[in-house]
Amino acid sequence: MAKYEQRFIVQELENHEFLYPDPFGDIGLTPNIKSAGCYESYEDALNAGVEEIGGAFIIFSFYEQFD
């Protein structure tokens, strides 16, 4: 039976872009949900939203399959 883990992504509400890890180790914004950075806990996602966006944002949760 497959196992699943809950993950979180953060979306900025003004321009509707998602937080993502850029190739240089920083955090940026992307319009592509597939490029969005995944956080392992709600608290990590919340902290990233506060630190990186500072304004209005939303946190989505989803489940990722792993072996």
N, C-alpha and C. Protein backbone atom coordinates (compact mmCIF):
# COMPACT_ATOMS: atom_id res chain seq x y z
N MET A 1 0.85 -1.19 0.00
CA MET A 1 0.00 0.00 0.00
C MET A 1 0.89 1.25 0.00
N ALA A 2 0.54 2.20 -0.83
CA ALA A 2 1.30 3.44 -0.93
C ALA A 2 1.10 4.27 0.34
N LYS A 3 2.13 5.03 0.68
CA LYS A 3 2.06 5.92 1.84
C LYS A 3 2.09 7.36 1.34
N TYR A 4 1.48 8.23 2.11
CA TYR A 4 1.37 9.64 1.75
C TYR A 4 1.81 10.51 2.90
N GLU A 5 2.43 11.64 2.55
CA GLU A 5 2.81 12.64 3.54
C GLU A 5 2.18 13.98 3.16
N GLN A 6 1.73 14.69 4.16
CA GLN A 6 1.13 16.01 3.92
C GLN A 6 2.24 17.03 3.67
N ARG A 7 2.03 17.88 2.68
CA ARG A 7 2.94 18.96 2.33
C ARG A 7 2.15 20.25 2.20
N PHE A 8 2.85 21.37 2.20
CA PHE A 8 2.22 22.69 2.15
C PHE A 8 2.92 23.58 1.14
N ILE A 9 2.17 24.41 0.43
CA ILE A 9 2.72 25.43 -0.45
C ILE A 9 2.10 26.78 -0.07
N VAL A 10 2.82 27.85 -0.40
CA VAL A 10 2.40 29.20 -0.01
C VAL A 10 2.18 30.04 -1.27
N GLN A 11 1.02 30.70 -1.33
CA GLN A 11 0.70 31.57 -2.47
C GLN A 11 0.47 33.00 -1.97
N GLU A 12 1.12 33.94 -2.63
CA GLU A 12 0.95 35.35 -2.35
C GLU A 12 -0.36 35.80 -2.99
N LEU A 13 -1.17 36.57 -2.29
CA LEU A 13 -2.51 36.90 -2.78
C LEU A 13 -2.59 38.15 -3.65
N GLU A 14 -1.56 38.97 -3.67
CA GLU A 14 -1.62 40.16 -4.51
C GLU A 14 -1.37 39.83 -5.98
N ASN A 15 -0.32 39.04 -6.25
CA ASN A 15 -0.02 38.70 -7.65
C ASN A 15 -0.25 37.22 -7.95
N HIS A 16 -0.69 36.46 -6.95
CA HIS A 16 -1.06 35.05 -7.08
C HIS A 16 0.11 34.12 -7.40
N GLU A 17 1.33 34.53 -7.08
CA GLU A 17 2.50 33.68 -7.31
C GLU A 17 2.82 32.86 -6.08
N PHE A 18 3.59 31.81 -6.28
CA PHE A 18 3.93 30.85 -5.23
C PHE A 18 5.39 31.01 -4.82
N LEU A 19 5.67 30.75 -3.55
CA LEU A 19 7.06 30.72 -3.09
C LEU A 19 7.75 29.50 -3.67
N TYR A 20 9.02 29.68 -4.06
CA TYR A 20 9.79 28.55 -4.58
C TYR A 20 11.27 28.76 -4.26
N PRO A 21 12.02 27.67 -4.13
CA PRO A 21 13.47 27.81 -3.93
C PRO A 21 14.15 28.08 -5.26
N ASP A 22 14.85 29.20 -5.39
CA ASP A 22 15.52 29.48 -6.66
C ASP A 22 16.86 28.74 -6.73
N PRO A 23 17.47 28.67 -7.90
CA PRO A 23 18.70 27.89 -8.09
C PRO A 23 19.89 28.38 -7.26
N PHE A 24 19.82 29.58 -6.72
CA PHE A 24 20.94 30.15 -5.96
C PHE A 24 20.77 29.99 -4.46
N GLY A 25 19.77 29.21 -4.03
CA GLY A 25 19.57 28.94 -2.61
C GLY A 25 18.69 29.95 -1.90
N ASP A 26 18.14 30.88 -2.62
CA ASP A 26 17.25 31.89 -2.05
C ASP A 26 15.81 31.45 -2.27
N ILE A 27 14.86 32.25 -1.81
CA ILE A 27 13.44 31.99 -2.05
C ILE A 27 12.92 33.07 -2.98
N GLY A 28 12.21 32.66 -4.03
CA GLY A 28 11.64 33.60 -4.98
C GLY A 28 10.16 33.33 -5.18
N LEU A 29 9.60 33.95 -6.20
CA LEU A 29 8.19 33.77 -6.54
C LEU A 29 8.08 33.21 -7.95
N THR A 30 7.12 32.33 -8.17
CA THR A 30 6.89 31.75 -9.49
C THR A 30 5.38 31.67 -9.75
N PRO A 31 4.95 31.87 -10.99
CA PRO A 31 3.54 31.71 -11.31
C PRO A 31 3.15 30.24 -11.50
N ASN A 32 4.14 29.36 -11.56
CA ASN A 32 3.93 27.94 -11.84
C ASN A 32 3.78 27.13 -10.55
N ILE A 33 2.62 26.57 -10.33
CA ILE A 33 2.38 25.81 -9.09
C ILE A 33 3.29 24.58 -8.99
N LYS A 34 3.69 24.00 -10.14
CA LYS A 34 4.58 22.84 -10.11
C LYS A 34 5.98 23.20 -9.64
N SER A 35 6.36 24.46 -9.72
CA SER A 35 7.67 24.91 -9.26
C SER A 35 7.65 25.37 -7.81
N ALA A 36 6.47 25.44 -7.23
CA ALA A 36 6.33 25.93 -5.85
C ALA A 36 7.12 25.08 -4.88
N GLY A 37 7.70 25.71 -3.89
CA GLY A 37 8.42 24.99 -2.84
C GLY A 37 7.45 24.29 -1.91
N CYS A 38 7.77 23.07 -1.52
CA CYS A 38 6.93 22.29 -0.60
C CYS A 38 7.51 22.35 0.80
N TYR A 39 6.66 22.61 1.75
CA TYR A 39 7.06 22.66 3.16
C TYR A 39 6.50 21.43 3.87
N GLU A 40 7.29 20.88 4.78
CA GLU A 40 6.89 19.66 5.47
C GLU A 40 5.93 19.92 6.62
N SER A 41 5.86 21.16 7.10
CA SER A 41 4.93 21.45 8.19
C SER A 41 4.22 22.77 7.93
N TYR A 42 3.05 22.91 8.51
CA TYR A 42 2.27 24.14 8.39
C TYR A 42 3.07 25.31 8.98
N GLU A 43 3.75 25.05 10.09
CA GLU A 43 4.52 26.10 10.75
C GLU A 43 5.64 26.63 9.86
N ASP A 44 6.33 25.72 9.14
CA ASP A 44 7.38 26.15 8.21
C ASP A 44 6.80 27.00 7.08
N ALA A 45 5.65 26.59 6.56
CA ALA A 45 4.98 27.34 5.50
C ALA A 45 4.55 28.71 6.01
N LEU A 46 4.01 28.75 7.21
CA LEU A 46 3.57 30.01 7.81
C LEU A 46 4.75 30.95 8.01
N ASN A 47 5.85 30.44 8.54
CA ASN A 47 7.03 31.27 8.75
C ASN A 47 7.58 31.79 7.43
N ALA A 48 7.60 30.97 6.39
CA ALA A 48 8.08 31.40 5.08
C ALA A 48 7.18 32.50 4.53
N GLY A 49 5.87 32.35 4.68
CA GLY A 49 4.95 33.38 4.20
C GLY A 49 5.15 34.70 4.91
N VAL A 50 5.31 34.65 6.21
CA VAL A 50 5.52 35.87 6.99
C VAL A 50 6.85 36.52 6.62
N GLU A 51 7.92 35.73 6.54
CA GLU A 51 9.25 36.27 6.27
C GLU A 51 9.44 36.73 4.83
N GLU A 52 8.92 35.97 3.87
CA GLU A 52 9.18 36.25 2.47
C GLU A 52 8.13 37.14 1.80
N ILE A 53 6.88 37.04 2.26
CA ILE A 53 5.80 37.82 1.63
C ILE A 53 5.43 39.00 2.51
N GLY A 54 5.17 38.74 3.78
CA GLY A 54 4.87 39.81 4.72
C GLY A 54 3.46 40.36 4.62
N GLY A 55 2.82 40.21 3.49
CA GLY A 55 1.45 40.68 3.31
C GLY A 55 0.50 39.50 3.31
N ALA A 56 -0.57 39.60 2.55
CA ALA A 56 -1.58 38.55 2.50
C ALA A 56 -1.08 37.35 1.70
N PHE A 57 -1.29 36.16 2.26
CA PHE A 57 -0.93 34.93 1.58
C PHE A 57 -1.84 33.81 2.06
N ILE A 58 -1.85 32.73 1.31
CA ILE A 58 -2.65 31.56 1.67
C ILE A 58 -1.75 30.33 1.65
N ILE A 59 -2.06 29.38 2.50
CA ILE A 59 -1.31 28.13 2.57
C ILE A 59 -2.23 27.00 2.13
N PHE A 60 -1.77 26.24 1.14
CA PHE A 60 -2.51 25.08 0.66
C PHE A 60 -1.81 23.82 1.15
N SER A 61 -2.60 22.81 1.48
CA SER A 61 -2.01 21.52 1.83
C SER A 61 -2.40 20.49 0.78
N PHE A 62 -1.54 19.51 0.59
CA PHE A 62 -1.80 18.41 -0.32
C PHE A 62 -1.02 17.21 0.19
N TYR A 63 -1.25 16.05 -0.43
CA TYR A 63 -0.59 14.83 -0.01
C TYR A 63 0.29 14.32 -1.14
N GLU A 64 1.52 13.95 -0.78
CA GLU A 64 2.50 13.48 -1.73
C GLU A 64 2.79 12.00 -1.45
N GLN A 65 2.78 11.20 -2.49
CA GLN A 65 3.02 9.78 -2.33
C GLN A 65 4.52 9.50 -2.25
N PHE A 66 4.89 8.58 -1.37
CA PHE A 66 6.27 8.14 -1.28
C PHE A 66 6.29 6.64 -1.03
N ASP A 67 7.45 6.03 -1.27
CA ASP A 67 7.57 4.59 -1.08
C ASP A 67 8.06 4.24 0.30
